[in-house]
PDB file of N, CA and C in Angstrom:
ATOM      1  N   MET A   1     130.607  97.850 117.497  1.00  0.00           N
ATOM      2  CA  MET A   1     129.405  97.341 118.120  1.00  0.00           C
ATOM      3  C   MET A   1     128.260  97.376 117.111  1.00  0.00           C
ATOM      4  N   GLN A   2     127.577  96.271 116.977  1.00  0.00           N
ATOM      5  CA  GLN A   2     126.435  96.224 116.078  1.00  0.00           C
ATOM      6  C   GLN A   2     125.149  96.438 116.863  1.00  0.00           C
ATOM      7  N   LEU A   3     124.271  97.201 116.258  1.00  0.00           N
ATOM      8  CA  LEU A   3     122.974  97.478 116.861  1.00  0.00           C
ATOM      9  C   LEU A   3     121.915  96.576 116.254  1.00  0.00           C
ATOM     10  N   THR A   4     120.883  96.323 117.015  1.00  0.00           N
ATOM     11  CA  THR A   4     119.724  95.668 116.425  1.00  0.00           C
ATOM     12  C   THR A   4     118.997  96.704 115.572  1.00  0.00           C
ATOM     13  N   LEU A   5     118.122  96.241 114.732  1.00  0.00           N
ATOM     14  CA  LEU A   5     117.339  97.158 113.900  1.00  0.00           C
ATOM     15  C   LEU A   5     116.527  98.114 114.771  1.00  0.00           C
ATOM     16  N   ALA A   6     115.919  97.596 115.822  1.00  0.00           N
ATOM     17  CA  ALA A   6     115.121  98.436 116.731  1.00  0.00           C
ATOM     18  C   ALA A   6     115.991  99.495 117.393  1.00  0.00           C
ATOM     19  N   GLU A   7     117.203  99.125 117.798  1.00  0.00           N
ATOM     20  CA  GLU A   7     118.112 100.095 118.419  1.00  0.00           C
ATOM     21  C   GLU A   7     118.529 101.170 117.423  1.00  0.00           C
ATOM     22  N   ALA A   8     118.786 100.751 116.183  1.00  0.00           N
ATOM     23  CA  ALA A   8     119.172 101.722 115.155  1.00  0.00           C
ATOM     24  C   ALA A   8     118.052 102.721 114.913  1.00  0.00           C
ATOM     25  N   PHE A   9     116.822 102.234 114.807  1.00  0.00           N
ATOM     26  CA  PHE A   9     115.700 103.155 114.603  1.00  0.00           C
ATOM     27  C   PHE A   9     115.505 104.061 115.816  1.00  0.00           C
ATOM     28  N   ALA A  10     115.672 103.533 117.001  1.00  0.00           N
ATOM     29  CA  ALA A  10     115.536 104.364 118.208  1.00  0.00           C
ATOM     30  C   ALA A  10     116.567 105.486 118.187  1.00  0.00           C
ATOM     31  N   ARG A  11     117.777 105.170 117.773  1.00  0.00           N
ATOM     32  CA  ARG A  11     118.816 106.210 117.692  1.00  0.00           C
ATOM     33  C   ARG A  11     118.514 107.224 116.602  1.00  0.00           C
ATOM     34  N   ALA A  12     118.004 106.751 115.475  1.00  0.00           N
ATOM     35  CA  ALA A  12     117.651 107.676 114.401  1.00  0.00           C
ATOM     36  C   ALA A  12     116.534 108.614 114.842  1.00  0.00           C
ATOM     37  N   LEU A  13     115.520 108.074 115.514  1.00  0.00           N
ATOM     38  CA  LEU A  13     114.413 108.918 115.990  1.00  0.00           C
ATOM     39  C   LEU A  13     114.881 109.904 117.047  1.00  0.00           C
ATOM     40  N   ALA A  14     115.779 109.461 117.919  1.00  0.00           N
ATOM     41  CA  ALA A  14     116.330 110.370 118.935  1.00  0.00           C
ATOM     42  C   ALA A  14     117.114 111.496 118.264  1.00  0.00           C
ATOM     43  N   ALA A  15     117.871 111.157 117.238  1.00  0.00           N
ATOM     44  CA  ALA A  15     118.617 112.186 116.501  1.00  0.00           C
ATOM     45  C   ALA A  15     117.662 113.168 115.837  1.00  0.00           C
ATOM     46  N   GLU A  16     116.589 112.655 115.245  1.00  0.00           N
ATOM     47  CA  GLU A  16     115.586 113.531 114.618  1.00  0.00           C
ATOM     48  C   GLU A  16     114.985 114.477 115.660  1.00  0.00           C
ATOM     49  N   ARG A  17     114.630 113.932 116.823  1.00  0.00           N
ATOM     50  CA  ARG A  17     114.000 114.756 117.870  1.00  0.00           C
ATOM     51  C   ARG A  17     114.905 115.882 118.346  1.00  0.00           C
ATOM     52  N   ARG A  18     116.193 115.622 118.397  1.00  0.00           N
ATOM     53  CA  ARG A  18     117.103 116.679 118.849  1.00  0.00           C
ATOM     54  C   ARG A  18     117.585 117.566 117.693  1.00  0.00           C
ATOM     55  N   GLY A  19     117.028 117.326 116.504  1.00  0.00           N
ATOM     56  CA  GLY A  19     117.328 118.174 115.357  1.00  0.00           C
ATOM     57  C   GLY A  19     118.584 117.792 114.597  1.00  0.00           C
ATOM     58  N   ASP A  20     119.137 116.636 114.880  1.00  0.00           N
ATOM     59  CA  ASP A  20     120.359 116.178 114.210  1.00  0.00           C
ATOM     60  C   ASP A  20     119.977 115.303 113.015  1.00  0.00           C
ATOM     61  N   ARG A  21     119.527 115.969 111.968  1.00  0.00           N
ATOM     62  CA  ARG A  21     119.075 115.236 110.785  1.00  0.00           C
ATOM     63  C   ARG A  21     120.207 114.492 110.094  1.00  0.00           C
ATOM     64  N   GLN A  22     121.411 115.044 110.150  1.00  0.00           N
ATOM     65  CA  GLN A  22     122.551 114.370 109.524  1.00  0.00           C
ATOM     66  C   GLN A  22     122.817 113.017 110.177  1.00  0.00           C
ATOM     67  N   ARG A  23     122.789 112.976 111.499  1.00  0.00           N
ATOM     68  CA  ARG A  23     123.026 111.721 112.214  1.00  0.00           C
ATOM     69  C   ARG A  23     121.907 110.720 111.899  1.00  0.00           C
ATOM     70  N   ALA A  24     120.668 111.201 111.910  1.00  0.00           N
ATOM     71  CA  ALA A  24     119.538 110.321 111.585  1.00  0.00           C
ATOM     72  C   ALA A  24     119.705 109.764 110.181  1.00  0.00           C
ATOM     73  N   ARG A  25     120.072 110.611 109.239  1.00  0.00           N
ATOM     74  CA  ARG A  25     120.248 110.164 107.847  1.00  0.00           C
ATOM     75  C   ARG A  25     121.359 109.128 107.755  1.00  0.00           C
ATOM     76  N   ALA A  26     122.434 109.325 108.487  1.00  0.00           N
ATOM     77  CA  ALA A  26     123.529 108.357 108.470  1.00  0.00           C
ATOM     78  C   ALA A  26     123.057 106.993 108.978  1.00  0.00           C
ATOM     79  N   ILE A  27     122.227 107.009 109.991  1.00  0.00           N
ATOM     80  CA  ILE A  27     121.690 105.750 110.525  1.00  0.00           C
ATOM     81  C   ILE A  27     120.767 105.092 109.509  1.00  0.00           C
ATOM     82  N   TYR A  28     119.893 105.881 108.887  1.00  0.00           N
ATOM     83  CA  TYR A  28     119.012 105.320 107.859  1.00  0.00           C
ATOM     84  C   TYR A  28     119.833 104.722 106.710  1.00  0.00           C
ATOM     85  N   ASP A  29     120.895 105.422 106.317  1.00  0.00           N
ATOM     86  CA  ASP A  29     121.752 104.912 105.249  1.00  0.00           C
ATOM     87  C   ASP A  29     122.429 103.608 105.663  1.00  0.00           C
ATOM     88  N   ASP A  30     122.861 103.520 106.918  1.00  0.00           N
ATOM     89  CA  ASP A  30     123.461 102.279 107.418  1.00  0.00           C
ATOM     90  C   ASP A  30     122.462 101.127 107.371  1.00  0.00           C
ATOM     91  N   ILE A  31     121.216 101.429 107.720  1.00  0.00           N
ATOM     92  CA  ILE A  31     120.181 100.394 107.661  1.00  0.00           C
ATOM     93  C   ILE A  31     120.008  99.919 106.222  1.00  0.00           C
ATOM     94  N   LEU A  32     120.008 100.857 105.278  1.00  0.00           N
ATOM     95  CA  LEU A  32     119.838 100.486 103.873  1.00  0.00           C
ATOM     96  C   LEU A  32     121.016  99.688 103.334  1.00  0.00           C
ATOM     97  N   VAL A  33     122.200  99.895 103.897  1.00  0.00           N
ATOM     98  CA  VAL A  33     123.349  99.068 103.495  1.00  0.00           C
ATOM     99  C   VAL A  33     123.095  97.624 103.909  1.00  0.00           C
ATOM    100  N   ALA A  34     122.576  97.460 105.108  1.00  0.00           N
ATOM    101  CA  ALA A  34     122.315  96.118 105.630  1.00  0.00           C
ATOM    102  C   ALA A  34     121.075  95.487 105.001  1.00  0.00           C
ATOM    103  N   ILE A  35     120.035  96.302 104.802  1.00  0.00           N
ATOM    104  CA  ILE A  35     118.758  95.800 104.274  1.00  0.00           C
ATOM    105  C   ILE A  35     118.298  96.773 103.175  1.00  0.00           C
ATOM    106  N   PRO A  36     118.774  96.553 101.956  1.00  0.00           N
ATOM    107  CA  PRO A  36     118.385  97.467 100.877  1.00  0.00           C
ATOM    108  C   PRO A  36     116.861  97.557 100.759  1.00  0.00           C
ATOM    109  N   ASP A  37     116.389  98.752 100.530  1.00  0.00           N
ATOM    110  CA  ASP A  37     114.955  99.031 100.372  1.00  0.00           C
ATOM    111  C   ASP A  37     114.143  98.763 101.632  1.00  0.00           C
ATOM    112  N   HIS A  38     114.751  98.933 102.801  1.00  0.00           N
ATOM    113  CA  HIS A  38     114.006  98.769 104.051  1.00  0.00           C
ATOM    114  C   HIS A  38     112.956  99.883 104.133  1.00  0.00           C
ATOM    115  N   PRO A  39     111.671  99.529 104.227  1.00  0.00           N
ATOM    116  CA  PRO A  39     110.620 100.548 104.183  1.00  0.00           C
ATOM    117  C   PRO A  39     110.744 101.621 105.271  1.00  0.00           C
ATOM    118  N   GLY A  40     111.101 101.248 106.472  1.00  0.00           N
ATOM    119  CA  GLY A  40     111.206 102.232 107.550  1.00  0.00           C
ATOM    120  C   GLY A  40     112.318 103.230 107.336  1.00  0.00           C
ATOM    121  N   ALA A  41     113.471 102.761 106.860  1.00  0.00           N
ATOM    122  CA  ALA A  41     114.587 103.669 106.586  1.00  0.00           C
ATOM    123  C   ALA A  41     114.239 104.598 105.426  1.00  0.00           C
ATOM    124  N   LEU A  42     113.604 104.036 104.403  1.00  0.00           N
ATOM    125  CA  LEU A  42     113.188 104.867 103.270  1.00  0.00           C
ATOM    126  C   LEU A  42     112.166 105.912 103.707  1.00  0.00           C
ATOM    127  N   LEU A  43     111.272 105.536 104.594  1.00  0.00           N
ATOM    128  CA  LEU A  43     110.284 106.483 105.123  1.00  0.00           C
ATOM    129  C   LEU A  43     110.984 107.615 105.868  1.00  0.00           C
ATOM    130  N   GLY A  44     111.955 107.278 106.695  1.00  0.00           N
ATOM    131  CA  GLY A  44     112.689 108.310 107.428  1.00  0.00           C
ATOM    132  C   GLY A  44     113.375 109.295 106.495  1.00  0.00           C
ATOM    133  N   ILE A  45     113.997 108.773 105.448  1.00  0.00           N
ATOM    134  CA  ILE A  45     114.670 109.634 104.471  1.00  0.00           C
ATOM    135  C   ILE A  45     113.643 110.461 103.704  1.00  0.00           C
ATOM    136  N   ALA A  46     112.518 109.860 103.362  1.00  0.00           N
ATOM    137  CA  ALA A  46     111.465 110.594 102.646  1.00  0.00           C
ATOM    138  C   ALA A  46     110.919 111.736 103.498  1.00  0.00           C
ATOM    139  N   ARG A  47     110.772 111.497 104.781  1.00  0.00           N
ATOM    140  CA  ARG A  47     110.291 112.575 105.665  1.00  0.00           C
ATOM    141  C   ARG A  47     111.277 113.727 105.700  1.00  0.00           C
ATOM    142  N   GLN A  48     112.555 113.406 105.713  1.00  0.00           N
ATOM    143  CA  GLN A  48     113.556 114.471 105.674  1.00  0.00           C
ATOM    144  C   GLN A  48     113.482 115.228 104.348  1.00  0.00           C
ATOM    145  N   ALA A  49     113.302 114.502 103.256  1.00  0.00           N
ATOM    146  CA  ALA A  49     113.194 115.146 101.946  1.00  0.00           C
ATOM    147  C   ALA A  49     111.960 116.048 101.899  1.00  0.00           C
ATOM    148  N   ARG A  50     110.872 115.573 102.455  1.00  0.00           N
ATOM    149  CA  ARG A  50     109.652 116.393 102.490  1.00  0.00           C
ATOM    150  C   ARG A  50     109.876 117.666 103.288  1.00  0.00           C
ATOM    151  N   ALA A  51     110.543 117.558 104.429  1.00  0.00           N
ATOM    152  CA  ALA A  51     110.826 118.730 105.257  1.00  0.00           C
ATOM    153  C   ALA A  51     111.689 119.737 104.509  1.00  0.00           C
ATOM    154  N   ALA A  52     112.545 119.236 103.627  1.00  0.00           N
ATOM    155  CA  ALA A  52     113.404 120.107 102.821  1.00  0.00           C
ATOM    156  C   ALA A  52     112.726 120.537 101.522  1.00  0.00           C
ATOM    157  N   ARG A  53     111.456 120.170 101.369  1.00  0.00           N
ATOM    158  CA  ARG A  53     110.664 120.475 100.175  1.00  0.00           C
ATOM    159  C   ARG A  53     111.259 119.849  98.911  1.00  0.00           C
ATOM    160  N   GLU A  54     111.879 118.700  99.074  1.00  0.00           N
ATOM    161  CA  GLU A  54     112.432 117.936  97.954  1.00  0.00           C
ATOM    162  C   GLU A  54     111.407 116.864  97.581  1.00  0.00           C
ATOM    163  N   HIS A  55     110.343 117.301  96.929  1.00  0.00           N
ATOM    164  CA  HIS A  55     109.207 116.425  96.657  1.00  0.00           C
ATOM    165  C   HIS A  55     109.548 115.254  95.746  1.00  0.00           C
ATOM    166  N   VAL A  56     110.372 115.490  94.742  1.00  0.00           N
ATOM    167  CA  VAL A  56     110.727 114.415  93.815  1.00  0.00           C
ATOM    168  C   VAL A  56     111.489 113.321  94.560  1.00  0.00           C
ATOM    169  N   ALA A  57     112.434 113.713  95.384  1.00  0.00           N
ATOM    170  CA  ALA A  57     113.213 112.731  96.155  1.00  0.00           C
ATOM    171  C   ALA A  57     112.319 111.986  97.135  1.00  0.00           C
ATOM    172  N   ALA A  58     111.408 112.704  97.786  1.00  0.00           N
ATOM    173  CA  ALA A  58     110.499 112.058  98.742  1.00  0.00           C
ATOM    174  C   ALA A  58     109.609 111.047  98.039  1.00  0.00           C
ATOM    175  N   ARG A  59     109.066 111.430  96.875  1.00  0.00           N
ATOM    176  CA  ARG A  59     108.225 110.507  96.115  1.00  0.00           C
ATOM    177  C   ARG A  59     108.993 109.244  95.735  1.00  0.00           C
ATOM    178  N   ALA A  60     110.226 109.414  95.275  1.00  0.00           N
ATOM    179  CA  ALA A  60     111.030 108.268  94.844  1.00  0.00           C
ATOM    180  C   ALA A  60     111.280 107.314  96.004  1.00  0.00           C
ATOM    181  N   ARG A  61     111.627 107.854  97.165  1.00  0.00           N
ATOM    182  CA  ARG A  61     111.872 106.996  98.334  1.00  0.00           C
ATOM    183  C   ARG A  61     110.587 106.284  98.758  1.00  0.00           C
ATOM    184  N   LEU A  62     109.498 106.990  98.717  1.00  0.00           N
ATOM    185  CA  LEU A  62     108.232 106.383  99.134  1.00  0.00           C
ATOM    186  C   LEU A  62     107.762 105.324  98.148  1.00  0.00           C
ATOM    187  N   ALA A  63     107.998 105.531  96.868  1.00  0.00           N
ATOM    188  CA  ALA A  63     107.645 104.501  95.881  1.00  0.00           C
ATOM    189  C   ALA A  63     108.435 103.228  96.149  1.00  0.00           C
ATOM    190  N   ARG A  64     109.727 103.372  96.434  1.00  0.00           N
ATOM    191  CA  ARG A  64     110.547 102.204  96.781  1.00  0.00           C
ATOM    192  C   ARG A  64     110.048 101.559  98.060  1.00  0.00           C
ATOM    193  N   ALA A  65     109.693 102.376  99.036  1.00  0.00           N
ATOM    194  CA  ALA A  65     109.237 101.852 100.324  1.00  0.00           C
ATOM    195  C   ALA A  65     107.936 101.072 100.173  1.00  0.00           C
ATOM    196  N   VAL A  66     106.999 101.598  99.404  1.00  0.00           N
ATOM    197  CA  VAL A  66     105.720 100.911  99.192  1.00  0.00           C
ATOM    198  C   VAL A  66     105.953  99.574  98.489  1.00  0.00           C
ATOM    199  N   ALA A  67     106.758  99.587  97.452  1.00  0.00           N
ATOM    200  CA  ALA A  67     107.038  98.344  96.719  1.00  0.00           C
ATOM    201  C   ALA A  67     107.702  97.320  97.635  1.00  0.00           C
ATOM    202  N   SER A  68     108.631  97.775  98.435  1.00  0.00           N
ATOM    203  CA  SER A  68     109.331  96.877  99.348  1.00  0.00           C
ATOM    204  C   SER A  68     108.394  96.344 100.429  1.00  0.00           C
ATOM    205  N   ALA A  69     107.574  97.213 100.993  1.00  0.00           N
ATOM    206  CA  ALA A  69     106.629  96.778 102.025  1.00  0.00           C
ATOM    207  C   ALA A  69     105.677  95.726 101.465  1.00  0.00           C
ATOM    208  N   ARG A  70     105.214  95.948 100.266  1.00  0.00           N
ATOM    209  CA  ARG A  70     104.322  94.960  99.640  1.00  0.00           C
ATOM    210  C   ARG A  70     105.040  93.633  99.434  1.00  0.00           C
ATOM    211  N   ALA A  71     106.288  93.697  98.934  1.00  0.00           N
ATOM    212  CA  ALA A  71     107.050  92.469  98.699  1.00  0.00           C
ATOM    213  C   ALA A  71     107.302  91.711 100.005  1.00  0.00           C
ATOM    214  N   MET A  72     107.481  92.465 101.097  1.00  0.00           N
ATOM    215  CA  MET A  72     107.735  91.852 102.406  1.00  0.00           C
ATOM    216  C   MET A  72     106.444  91.546 103.162  1.00  0.00           C
ATOM    217  N   ARG A  73     105.325  91.908 102.549  1.00  0.00           N
ATOM    218  CA  ARG A  73     104.006  91.746 103.170  1.00  0.00           C
ATOM    219  C   ARG A  73     103.917  92.477 104.511  1.00  0.00           C
ATOM    220  N   LEU A  74     104.410  93.720 104.498  1.00  0.00           N
ATOM    221  CA  LEU A  74     104.350  94.580 105.671  1.00  0.00           C
ATOM    222  C   LEU A  74     103.252  95.619 105.480  1.00  0.00           C
ATOM    223  N   PRO A  75     102.726  96.165 106.564  1.00  0.00           N
ATOM    224  CA  PRO A  75     101.726  97.232 106.441  1.00  0.00           C
ATOM    225  C   PRO A  75     102.332  98.440 105.722  1.00  0.00           C
ATOM    226  N   ASP A  76     101.527  99.094 104.907  1.00  0.00           N
ATOM    227  CA  ASP A  76     102.033 100.241 104.161  1.00  0.00           C
ATOM    228  C   ASP A  76     101.209 101.514 104.329  1.00  0.00           C
ATOM    229  N   ALA A  77     100.266 101.512 105.251  1.00  0.00           N
ATOM    230  CA  ALA A  77      99.391 102.683 105.421  1.00  0.00           C
ATOM    231  C   ALA A  77     100.180 103.939 105.765  1.00  0.00           C
ATOM    232  N   GLU A  78     101.177 103.823 106.615  1.00  0.00           N
ATOM    233  CA  GLU A  78     101.974 104.989 107.005  1.00  0.00           C
ATOM    234  C   GLU A  78     102.745 105.553 105.808  1.00  0.00           C
ATOM    235  N   LEU A  79     103.169 104.675 104.928  1.00  0.00           N
ATOM    236  CA  LEU A  79     103.881 105.112 103.722  1.00  0.00           C
ATOM    237  C   LEU A  79     102.950 105.894 102.805  1.00  0.00           C
ATOM    238  N   TRP A  80     101.730 105.379 102.611  1.00  0.00           N
ATOM    239  CA  TRP A  80     100.756 106.062 101.764  1.00  0.00           C
ATOM    240  C   TRP A  80     100.347 107.405 102.368  1.00  0.00           C
ATOM    241  N   THR A  81     100.234 107.447 103.687  1.00  0.00           N
ATOM    242  CA  THR A  81      99.886 108.705 104.351  1.00  0.00           C
ATOM    243  C   THR A  81     100.973 109.747 104.123  1.00  0.00           C
ATOM    244  N   GLU A  82     102.218 109.331 104.272  1.00  0.00           N
ATOM    245  CA  GLU A  82     103.333 110.266 104.025  1.00  0.00           C
ATOM    246  C   GLU A  82     103.336 110.725 102.577  1.00  0.00           C
ATOM    247  N   LEU A  83     103.065 109.807 101.658  1.00  0.00           N
ATOM    248  CA  LEU A  83     102.996 110.195 100.247  1.00  0.00           C
ATOM    249  C   LEU A  83     101.877 111.205 100.030  1.00  0.00           C
ATOM    250  N   GLY A  84     100.762 111.014 100.694  1.00  0.00           N
ATOM    251  CA  GLY A  84      99.678 111.989 100.599  1.00  0.00           C
ATOM    252  C   GLY A  84     100.113 113.364 101.055  1.00  0.00           C
ATOM    253  N   HIS A  85     100.880 113.418 102.130  1.00  0.00           N
ATOM    254  CA  HIS A  85     101.394 114.706 102.617  1.00  0.00           C
ATOM    255  C   HIS A  85     102.376 115.321 101.619  1.00  0.00           C
ATOM    256  N   VAL A  86     103.231 114.487 101.036  1.00  0.00           N
ATOM    257  CA  VAL A  86     104.180 114.984 100.034  1.00  0.00           C
ATOM    258  C   VAL A  86     103.421 115.576  98.859  1.00  0.00           C
ATOM    259  N   GLU A  87     102.444 114.854  98.365  1.00  0.00           N
ATOM    260  CA  GLU A  87     101.674 115.330  97.210  1.00  0.00           C
ATOM    261  C   GLU A  87     100.897 116.606  97.550  1.00  0.00           C
ATOM    262  N   SER A  88     100.357 116.656  98.748  1.00  0.00           N
ATOM    263  CA  SER A  88      99.643 117.863  99.169  1.00  0.00           C
ATOM    264  C   SER A  88     100.598 119.052  99.245  1.00  0.00           C
ATOM    265  N   ASP A  89     101.761 118.836  99.827  1.00  0.00           N
ATOM    266  CA  ASP A  89     102.767 119.909  99.903  1.00  0.00           C
ATOM    267  C   ASP A  89     103.180 120.376  98.513  1.00  0.00           C
ATOM    268  N   ALA A  90     103.213 119.425  97.558  1.00  0.00           N
ATOM    269  CA  ALA A  90     103.597 119.753  96.184  1.00  0.00           C
ATOM    270  C   ALA A  90     102.426 120.326  95.384  1.00  0.00           C
ATOM    271  N   ARG A  91     101.282 120.457  96.026  1.00  0.00           N
ATOM    272  CA  ARG A  91     100.063 121.010  95.431  1.00  0.00           C
ATOM    273  C   ARG A  91      99.456 120.115  94.352  1.00  0.00           C
ATOM    274  N   ASP A  92      99.752 118.817  94.420  1.00  0.00           N
ATOM    275  CA  ASP A  92      99.128 117.870  93.497  1.00  0.00           C
ATOM    276  C   ASP A  92      97.987 117.211  94.270  1.00  0.00           C
ATOM    277  N   HIS A  93      96.859 117.892  94.293  1.00  0.00           N
ATOM    278  CA  HIS A  93      95.751 117.479  95.140  1.00  0.00           C
ATOM    279  C   HIS A  93      95.116 116.163  94.704  1.00  0.00           C
ATOM    280  N   ALA A  94      95.085 115.898  93.410  1.00  0.00           N
ATOM    281  CA  ALA A  94      94.542 114.624  92.934  1.00  0.00           C
ATOM    282  C   ALA A  94      95.411 113.462  93.412  1.00  0.00           C
ATOM    283  N   ALA A  95      96.728 113.622  93.307  1.00  0.00           N
ATOM    284  CA  ALA A  95      97.636 112.573  93.768  1.00  0.00           C
ATOM    285  C   ALA A  95      97.570 112.423  95.273  1.00  0.00           C
ATOM    286  N   ALA A  96      97.385 113.535  95.981  1.00  0.00           N
ATOM    287  CA  ALA A  96      97.270 113.478  97.443  1.00  0.00           C
ATOM    288  C   ALA A  96      96.031 112.688  97.843  1.00  0.00           C
ATOM    289  N   ARG A  97      94.901 112.971  97.201  1.00  0.00           N
ATOM    290  CA  ARG A  97      93.670 112.228  97.488  1.00  0.00           C
ATOM    291  C   ARG A  97      93.843 110.745  97.214  1.00  0.00           C
ATOM    292  N   ALA A  98      94.489 110.422  96.119  1.00  0.00           N
ATOM    293  CA  ALA A  98      94.704 109.015  95.766  1.00  0.00           C
ATOM    294  C   ALA A  98      95.580 108.317  96.797  1.00  0.00           C
ATOM    295  N   ALA A  99      96.585 109.005  97.290  1.00  0.00           N
ATOM    296  CA  ALA A  99      97.479 108.408  98.283  1.00  0.00           C
ATOM    297  C   ALA A  99      96.775 108.236  99.621  1.00  0.00           C
ATOM    298  N   PHE A 100      96.014 109.270 100.011  1.00  0.00           N
ATOM    299  CA  PHE A 100      95.290 109.171 101.294  1.00  0.00           C
ATOM    300  C   PHE A 100      94.202 108.126 101.204  1.00  0.00           C
TER     301      PHE A 100
END
């Protein structure tokens, strides 16, 4: 059974809410197979990386997400906000200010 993109994201968010990060990650990865560099899937993975204090991985995913959102002419404010949080968590206050 194939899901719509909205259904896939709903399932990923439901998995996140119940604490099943592995299932959410699998869904995000499936989305990326179908739509490489999908900003929403990259954001979901970056949030997981941030929660695990994997700042380098979170930054890399967010950089891809921002570039992709720009190429697709999609809003990117949420991506920049998440990057600001990543930079703040990493104690890079100048980068956090720039992202926010």
